[in-house]
Amino acid sequence: MAGVRFEDVELLGALSRIVDLHTQHYKEDFDLDKELISKLAVSDRSEDKQLLWMSRPCGTYTLREREVYLEGSHENKVWRFYQEQTNDPVLAYAISLKEVRDGKIFGDLYPLNYREHVERMKKLTCPIGNVAVAFEDGNVITIPYQERRQLMNRLMPEHGAPKTMTYLPENEPELMMILKRERFKRSYHATAGNLEEYLDKLEKTTLREKLKRAKTVVSTQEVSSHKRGLER
């Protein structure tokens, strides 16, 4: 798990630059990311500070790391999808939120090998046992995960619509041990890196890929034009 970490960086600024370089379409996804990260940065819950983030050619995602390791959760499905179902080049990162200073969010940023991370994560996920559902009237009720839809429908007439739903693993200590171990390995094996050098290298790589694609398009157009000339 050897890698690099960028310590105490201004996170939204760094992520914004990655989006500008790598995400060509649906960049408005990052507006949702900024809103979520800003909310989690001031949360009192430690698990809200540990995130996974991805930049794709078509959009971005911010996910709480805890939920990614819960089998069948929305976050787990999203994190796996682009490895299992697409060939999209994904830039993936682990984020550790630290503090807010002068209105800016600071923390540590860990670049990940997305496909390797997904394969490892799949071997470590924990099954969901229950869900804690917060309803419109303020009540939080824990119900079995497998029966959640049926039971929520029964509870809605009395408690109103569900506002949030928190996944609870069958074995909480096991999940926390997995997360603790993965975070320790990630931090222990990573060496401190220079963010500006990393972004400069990423920009050069992105420009090379754009030039390569442009040359391919030109070459294809030339072949097509040549074929039309022969057909005449």
Protein backbone atom coordinates (compact mmCIF):
# COMPACT_ATOMS: atom_id res chain seq x y z
CA MET A 1 0.00 0.00 0.00
CA ALA A 2 2.98 2.30 -0.49
CA GLY A 3 1.87 5.70 -1.68
CA VAL A 4 2.01 9.40 -1.07
CA ARG A 5 0.08 11.78 1.13
CA PHE A 6 -0.37 15.52 0.93
CA GLU A 7 -0.60 16.91 4.44
CA ASP A 8 -2.62 19.85 5.70
CA VAL A 9 -3.77 20.99 2.28
CA GLU A 10 -6.63 23.36 1.49
CA LEU A 11 -8.89 20.60 0.29
CA LEU A 12 -11.61 22.27 -1.77
CA GLY A 13 -9.01 24.23 -3.70
CA ALA A 14 -6.96 21.11 -4.42
CA LEU A 15 -9.98 19.04 -5.44
CA SER A 16 -11.26 21.86 -7.63
CA ARG A 17 -7.99 21.85 -9.57
CA ILE A 18 -8.23 18.09 -10.07
CA VAL A 19 -11.78 18.51 -11.36
CA ASP A 20 -10.65 21.20 -13.80
CA LEU A 21 -7.95 18.88 -15.14
CA HIS A 22 -9.77 15.56 -15.24
CA THR A 23 -13.56 16.04 -15.25
CA GLN A 24 -14.86 17.26 -18.60
CA HIS A 25 -18.62 16.87 -18.12
CA TYR A 26 -21.06 17.29 -15.21
CA LYS A 27 -18.61 19.43 -13.29
CA GLU A 28 -21.60 20.70 -11.32
CA ASP A 29 -21.32 17.44 -9.33
CA PHE A 30 -18.47 19.12 -7.50
CA ASP A 31 -20.85 21.78 -6.18
CA LEU A 32 -22.62 18.97 -4.29
CA ASP A 33 -19.24 17.68 -3.09
CA LYS A 34 -18.28 21.08 -1.74
CA GLU A 35 -21.59 21.37 0.10
CA LEU A 36 -21.23 17.91 1.64
CA ILE A 37 -17.55 18.30 2.59
CA SER A 38 -18.27 21.67 4.19
CA LYS A 39 -21.05 20.09 6.27
CA LEU A 40 -18.94 17.10 7.33
CA ALA A 41 -15.95 19.30 8.21
CA VAL A 42 -17.86 20.80 11.13
CA SER A 43 -19.48 17.54 12.26
CA ASP A 44 -18.75 16.21 15.75
CA ARG A 45 -18.63 12.60 14.51
CA SER A 46 -15.16 11.27 13.74
CA GLU A 47 -16.42 9.00 10.95
CA ASP A 48 -17.68 12.06 9.09
CA LYS A 49 -14.05 13.16 8.72
CA GLN A 50 -12.93 10.11 6.71
CA LEU A 51 -14.00 10.26 3.07
CA LEU A 52 -13.36 8.73 -0.32
CA TRP A 53 -13.57 10.98 -3.39
CA MET A 54 -13.37 10.31 -7.10
CA SER A 55 -13.04 12.43 -10.21
CA ARG A 56 -14.21 10.88 -13.49
CA PRO A 57 -14.42 12.29 -17.01
CA CYS A 58 -18.18 12.60 -16.37
CA GLY A 59 -18.68 13.74 -12.79
CA THR A 60 -17.42 13.37 -9.23
CA TYR A 61 -18.47 11.63 -6.00
CA THR A 62 -17.82 12.19 -2.30
CA LEU A 63 -18.56 9.19 -0.05
CA ARG A 64 -18.11 8.48 3.65
CA GLU A 65 -15.50 5.75 3.90
CA ARG A 66 -17.44 3.87 6.56
CA GLU A 67 -20.42 3.30 4.24
CA VAL A 68 -18.19 2.19 1.36
CA TYR A 69 -17.16 -0.80 3.50
CA LEU A 70 -20.78 -1.85 4.13
CA GLU A 71 -21.88 -4.46 1.59
CA GLY A 72 -24.88 -3.36 -0.46
CA SER A 73 -24.97 0.25 0.71
CA HIS A 74 -25.41 3.02 -1.86
CA GLU A 75 -21.85 4.17 -1.24
CA ASN A 76 -20.48 0.65 -1.66
CA LYS A 77 -22.29 0.23 -4.98
CA VAL A 78 -21.10 3.60 -6.29
CA TRP A 79 -17.47 2.99 -5.36
CA ARG A 80 -17.48 -0.44 -7.04
CA PHE A 81 -19.47 0.52 -10.14
CA TYR A 82 -16.83 2.32 -12.20
CA GLN A 83 -14.31 -0.46 -11.64
CA GLU A 84 -16.72 -3.29 -12.46
CA GLN A 85 -18.91 -1.76 -15.17
CA THR A 86 -16.85 0.86 -17.02
CA ASN A 87 -13.39 1.58 -18.32
CA ASP A 88 -13.51 5.18 -17.14
CA PRO A 89 -10.16 6.56 -15.99
CA VAL A 90 -10.88 7.34 -12.34
CA LEU A 91 -8.76 9.51 -10.08
CA ALA A 92 -9.51 8.36 -6.54
CA TYR A 93 -8.47 9.78 -3.17
CA ALA A 94 -8.90 9.19 0.53
CA ILE A 95 -9.54 12.38 2.49
CA SER A 96 -9.00 13.01 6.18
CA LEU A 97 -10.70 16.23 7.27
CA LYS A 98 -8.83 18.09 10.00
CA GLU A 99 -10.08 21.60 10.64
CA VAL A 100 -11.61 24.77 9.27
CA ARG A 101 -9.32 27.81 9.31
CA ASP A 102 -10.36 31.22 8.06
CA GLY A 103 -13.32 29.67 6.28
CA LYS A 104 -11.20 27.07 4.46
CA ILE A 105 -11.17 23.32 5.05
CA PHE A 106 -7.81 21.68 5.67
CA GLY A 107 -6.85 18.01 5.80
CA ASP A 108 -4.76 15.23 4.33
CA LEU A 109 -5.18 13.87 0.82
CA TYR A 110 -4.12 10.37 -0.26
CA PRO A 111 -4.11 9.44 -3.98
CA LEU A 112 -5.33 5.87 -4.45
CA ASN A 113 -4.98 3.27 -7.17
CA TYR A 114 -8.72 3.10 -7.74
CA ARG A 115 -8.98 -0.37 -9.25
CA GLU A 116 -6.65 -1.95 -6.71
CA HIS A 117 -8.49 -0.22 -3.87
CA VAL A 118 -11.87 -1.54 -5.04
CA GLU A 119 -10.59 -5.11 -5.28
CA ARG A 120 -9.16 -4.90 -1.77
CA MET A 121 -12.26 -3.24 -0.36
CA LYS A 122 -14.52 -5.97 -1.77
CA LYS A 123 -12.71 -8.56 0.37
CA LEU A 124 -13.19 -6.52 3.55
CA THR A 125 -16.80 -5.33 3.44
CA CYS A 126 -19.18 -6.08 6.30
CA PRO A 127 -22.86 -7.02 5.96
CA ILE A 128 -25.51 -4.52 7.06
CA GLY A 129 -27.65 -5.66 9.99
CA ASN A 130 -29.98 -2.74 10.72
CA VAL A 131 -30.70 0.81 9.66
CA ALA A 132 -31.39 3.76 11.95
CA VAL A 133 -34.11 5.83 10.29
CA ALA A 134 -34.71 9.45 11.32
CA PHE A 135 -38.30 10.41 10.61
CA GLU A 136 -39.96 13.75 10.03
CA ASP A 137 -41.30 13.94 13.60
CA GLY A 138 -37.78 13.65 15.05
CA ASN A 139 -37.94 10.00 16.09
CA VAL A 140 -35.01 7.76 15.18
CA ILE A 141 -36.06 4.13 14.88
CA THR A 142 -33.77 1.15 14.28
CA ILE A 143 -35.20 -1.52 11.99
CA PRO A 144 -33.81 -4.65 10.27
CA TYR A 145 -32.04 -3.82 7.01
CA GLN A 146 -33.71 -6.58 4.97
CA GLU A 147 -37.20 -5.37 5.94
CA ARG A 148 -36.50 -1.65 5.83
CA ARG A 149 -38.80 -0.69 2.94
CA GLN A 150 -41.82 -2.54 4.29
CA LEU A 151 -41.32 -1.30 7.85
CA MET A 152 -40.67 2.32 6.81
CA ASN A 153 -43.94 2.33 4.89
CA ARG A 154 -45.72 1.10 8.00
CA LEU A 155 -44.10 3.75 10.20
CA MET A 156 -44.64 6.74 7.88
CA PRO A 157 -48.33 7.39 8.72
CA GLU A 158 -47.36 7.86 12.39
CA HIS A 159 -43.92 9.45 12.11
CA GLY A 160 -43.87 11.17 8.73
CA ALA A 161 -41.44 10.74 5.89
CA PRO A 162 -37.92 9.34 6.49
CA LYS A 163 -35.34 12.15 6.53
CA THR A 164 -32.09 10.18 6.86
CA MET A 165 -31.06 6.54 7.04
CA THR A 166 -27.87 5.30 8.71
CA TYR A 167 -26.56 1.81 7.94
CA LEU A 168 -25.56 -0.26 10.96
CA PRO A 169 -23.30 -3.29 10.43
CA GLU A 170 -24.02 -6.71 11.85
CA ASN A 171 -20.70 -6.44 13.70
CA GLU A 172 -19.70 -2.88 14.57
CA PRO A 173 -16.36 -3.79 16.24
CA GLU A 174 -15.34 -5.75 13.14
CA LEU A 175 -16.08 -2.82 10.84
CA MET A 176 -14.20 -0.38 13.07
CA MET A 177 -11.20 -2.71 13.21
CA ILE A 178 -11.13 -2.98 9.40
CA LEU A 179 -11.30 0.79 9.00
CA LYS A 180 -8.69 1.39 11.68
CA ARG A 181 -6.30 -1.10 10.06
CA GLU A 182 -6.79 0.24 6.53
CA ARG A 183 -6.27 3.84 7.62
CA PHE A 184 -3.18 2.96 9.61
CA LYS A 185 -1.64 1.11 6.63
CA ARG A 186 -2.50 3.97 4.30
CA SER A 187 -0.89 6.56 6.57
CA TYR A 188 2.08 4.46 7.72
CA HIS A 189 3.21 3.46 4.25
CA ALA A 190 2.66 6.85 2.60
CA THR A 191 5.47 9.36 2.23
CA ALA A 192 4.88 13.10 2.37
CA GLY A 193 4.52 14.54 -1.12
CA ASN A 194 4.44 17.95 -2.78
CA LEU A 195 0.93 18.77 -3.97
CA GLU A 196 2.04 21.36 -6.52
CA GLU A 197 4.43 18.89 -8.15
CA TYR A 198 1.69 16.26 -8.22
CA LEU A 199 -0.80 18.64 -9.85
CA ASP A 200 1.79 19.80 -12.39
CA LYS A 201 2.47 16.19 -13.34
CA LEU A 202 -1.26 15.50 -13.54
CA GLU A 203 -1.73 18.50 -15.81
CA LYS A 204 1.02 17.32 -18.15
CA THR A 205 -0.46 13.82 -18.26
CA THR A 206 -3.89 15.27 -18.99
CA LEU A 207 -2.53 17.44 -21.80
CA ARG A 208 -0.75 14.44 -23.34
CA GLU A 209 -3.97 12.45 -23.27
CA LYS A 210 -5.90 15.33 -24.87
CA LEU A 211 -3.29 15.65 -27.62
CA LYS A 212 -3.38 11.90 -28.16
CA ARG A 213 -7.16 11.94 -28.50
CA ALA A 214 -7.01 14.94 -30.82
CA LYS A 215 -4.48 13.18 -33.06
CA THR A 216 -6.70 10.10 -33.14
CA VAL A 217 -9.69 12.20 -34.23
CA VAL A 218 -7.65 13.93 -36.94
CA SER A 219 -6.28 10.61 -38.16
CA THR A 220 -9.78 9.12 -38.29
CA GLN A 221 -11.07 12.11 -40.21
CA GLU A 222 -8.21 11.85 -42.70
CA VAL A 223 -8.88 8.15 -43.28
CA SER A 224 -12.58 8.86 -43.73
CA SER A 225 -11.83 11.67 -46.17
CA HIS A 226 -9.45 9.42 -48.10
CA LYS A 227 -12.11 6.70 -48.33
CA ARG A 228 -14.67 9.17 -49.65
CA GLY A 229 -12.18 10.27 -52.27
CA LEU A 230 -11.64 6.68 -53.42
CA GLU A 231 -15.37 6.05 -53.55
CA ARG A 232 -15.75 8.90 -56.01
